[in-house]
Protein backbone atom coordinates (compact mmCIF):
# COMPACT_ATOMS: atom_id res chain seq x y z
CA MET A 1 -6.87 -23.35 13.10
CA SER A 2 -8.18 -23.50 9.56
CA LEU A 3 -7.25 -21.03 6.87
CA GLN A 4 -10.88 -20.03 6.59
CA GLU A 5 -10.95 -19.13 10.30
CA ILE A 6 -7.79 -17.06 9.89
CA VAL A 7 -9.30 -15.17 6.96
CA VAL A 8 -12.42 -14.45 9.03
CA MET A 9 -10.22 -13.05 11.83
CA ILE A 10 -8.45 -10.77 9.37
CA HIS A 11 -11.74 -9.52 7.93
CA ASN A 12 -13.01 -8.91 11.48
CA GLY A 13 -9.94 -6.86 12.34
CA GLU A 14 -8.57 -9.43 14.79
CA TYR A 15 -5.06 -8.93 13.48
CA GLY A 16 -3.20 -10.04 16.60
CA ARG A 17 -4.98 -13.40 16.69
CA ALA A 18 -4.51 -13.81 12.95
CA ILE A 19 -0.78 -13.11 13.29
CA THR A 20 -0.41 -15.81 15.94
CA SER A 21 -2.18 -18.36 13.75
CA LEU A 22 -0.34 -17.36 10.57
CA GLU A 23 3.05 -17.52 12.29
CA HIS A 24 2.20 -21.06 13.38
CA GLU A 25 1.36 -21.96 9.77
CA VAL A 26 4.59 -20.45 8.42
CA GLN A 27 6.63 -22.52 10.89
CA ASP A 28 4.84 -25.75 9.92
CA GLU A 29 7.28 -27.84 7.88
CA SER A 30 4.44 -29.50 5.95
CA VAL A 31 3.27 -26.19 4.47
CA GLN A 32 4.52 -25.74 0.91
CA PRO A 33 6.45 -22.59 -0.17
CA PRO A 34 3.62 -21.10 -2.27
CA GLU A 35 1.32 -21.21 0.76
CA LYS A 36 4.06 -19.84 3.03
CA LEU A 37 4.51 -16.99 0.57
CA GLU A 38 0.84 -16.06 0.88
CA TYR A 39 0.96 -16.36 4.68
CA CYS A 40 3.97 -14.03 4.78
CA LYS A 41 2.09 -11.44 2.75
CA TRP A 42 -0.90 -11.72 5.08
CA LEU A 43 1.38 -11.43 8.10
CA ALA A 44 2.91 -8.29 6.63
CA GLU A 45 -0.52 -6.81 6.00
CA CYS A 46 -1.75 -7.63 9.52
CA ASN A 47 1.35 -6.01 11.01
CA HIS A 48 0.84 -3.01 8.73
CA ARG A 49 -2.71 -2.63 10.06
CA LEU A 50 -1.33 -2.70 13.60
CA GLU A 51 1.34 -0.15 12.61
CA GLU A 52 4.09 -2.63 13.48
CA HIS A 53 6.29 -1.36 10.67
CA GLN A 54 9.40 -3.33 11.57
CA GLU A 55 7.52 -6.65 11.61
CA CYS A 56 5.64 -5.70 8.47
CA GLY A 57 8.92 -5.15 6.62
CA ASN A 58 10.38 -8.35 8.01
CA TRP A 59 7.48 -10.42 6.68
CA TYR A 60 7.65 -8.80 3.26
CA LEU A 61 11.36 -9.62 3.10
CA GLU A 62 10.61 -13.20 4.15
CA ALA A 63 8.20 -13.37 1.21
CA VAL A 64 11.00 -12.08 -1.06
CA ARG A 65 13.32 -14.81 0.26
CA ILE A 66 10.73 -17.45 -0.56
CA ILE A 67 10.37 -16.11 -4.09
CA LEU A 68 14.13 -16.01 -4.60
CA SER A 69 14.44 -19.64 -3.50
CA ARG A 70 12.05 -20.84 -6.20
CA GLN A 71 13.28 -22.78 -9.20
CA ILE A 72 12.31 -20.25 -11.85
CA ASP A 73 14.37 -17.88 -13.99
CA GLN A 74 16.02 -14.88 -12.35
CA VAL A 75 14.02 -12.29 -14.30
CA SER A 76 10.71 -13.82 -13.20
CA LYS A 77 11.90 -14.00 -9.60
CA ALA A 78 12.98 -10.38 -9.64
CA ARG A 79 9.74 -9.14 -11.19
CA GLU A 80 7.65 -11.05 -8.66
CA ALA A 81 9.78 -10.04 -5.68
CA LEU A 82 10.27 -6.36 -6.51
CA PRO A 83 6.80 -5.11 -5.41
CA LEU A 84 7.18 -6.92 -2.07
CA CYS A 85 10.66 -5.48 -1.61
CA ASP A 86 9.20 -2.01 -2.23
CA LYS A 87 6.59 -2.64 0.46
CA ALA A 88 9.30 -3.78 2.88
CA LEU A 89 11.31 -0.65 2.17
CA GLU A 90 8.25 1.56 2.75
CA ALA A 91 7.52 -0.20 6.05
CA TYR A 92 11.12 0.19 7.24
CA GLN A 93 11.14 3.86 6.27
CA ARG A 94 8.05 4.35 8.45
CA GLY A 95 9.36 2.54 11.49
CA GLY A 96 12.43 0.40 10.96
CA ASP A 97 15.98 1.21 11.69
CA ALA A 98 18.57 2.55 9.28
CA ALA A 99 20.16 -0.87 8.76
CA ASP A 100 16.85 -2.35 7.60
CA VAL A 101 16.29 0.53 5.21
CA LEU A 102 19.76 -0.03 3.79
CA VAL A 103 19.25 -3.78 3.36
CA ALA A 104 15.90 -3.30 1.63
CA SER A 105 17.34 -0.55 -0.59
CA ARG A 106 20.24 -2.72 -1.68
CA LEU A 107 17.95 -5.68 -2.29
CA LYS A 108 15.71 -3.46 -4.41
CA GLN A 109 18.67 -2.35 -6.52
CA TYR A 110 19.72 -5.98 -6.96
CA LEU A 111 16.20 -6.97 -8.04
CA LEU A 112 15.98 -4.04 -10.43
CA GLY A 113 19.20 -5.22 -12.05
CA LEU A 114 17.89 -8.77 -12.42
CA SER A 115 14.53 -7.69 -13.81
CA LYS A 116 16.01 -6.15 -16.96
């Protein structure tokens, strides 16, 4: 499915179908990390709209992992990843388990330290 078709599904509120297509794109080895990063953010947002808080947080943390794997300086990584980590933490606090909240909290503290 094309990216344009996926975007149309999201705008039409067809989040479940969009999630299936986006997950397929994220798993595709030919997709480059910057695109995967965007797909992860869209996946998180779709799951948020469906009130799937655990999955929402998981996709935001996957986006953070992609950012942290990039070949840029640590401060830039931390500043880019911190807002996504905050969103993951919020999602986990709404519907994740205590372990996920703890992981996201610790990651946030680590990123805050790097961003200075």
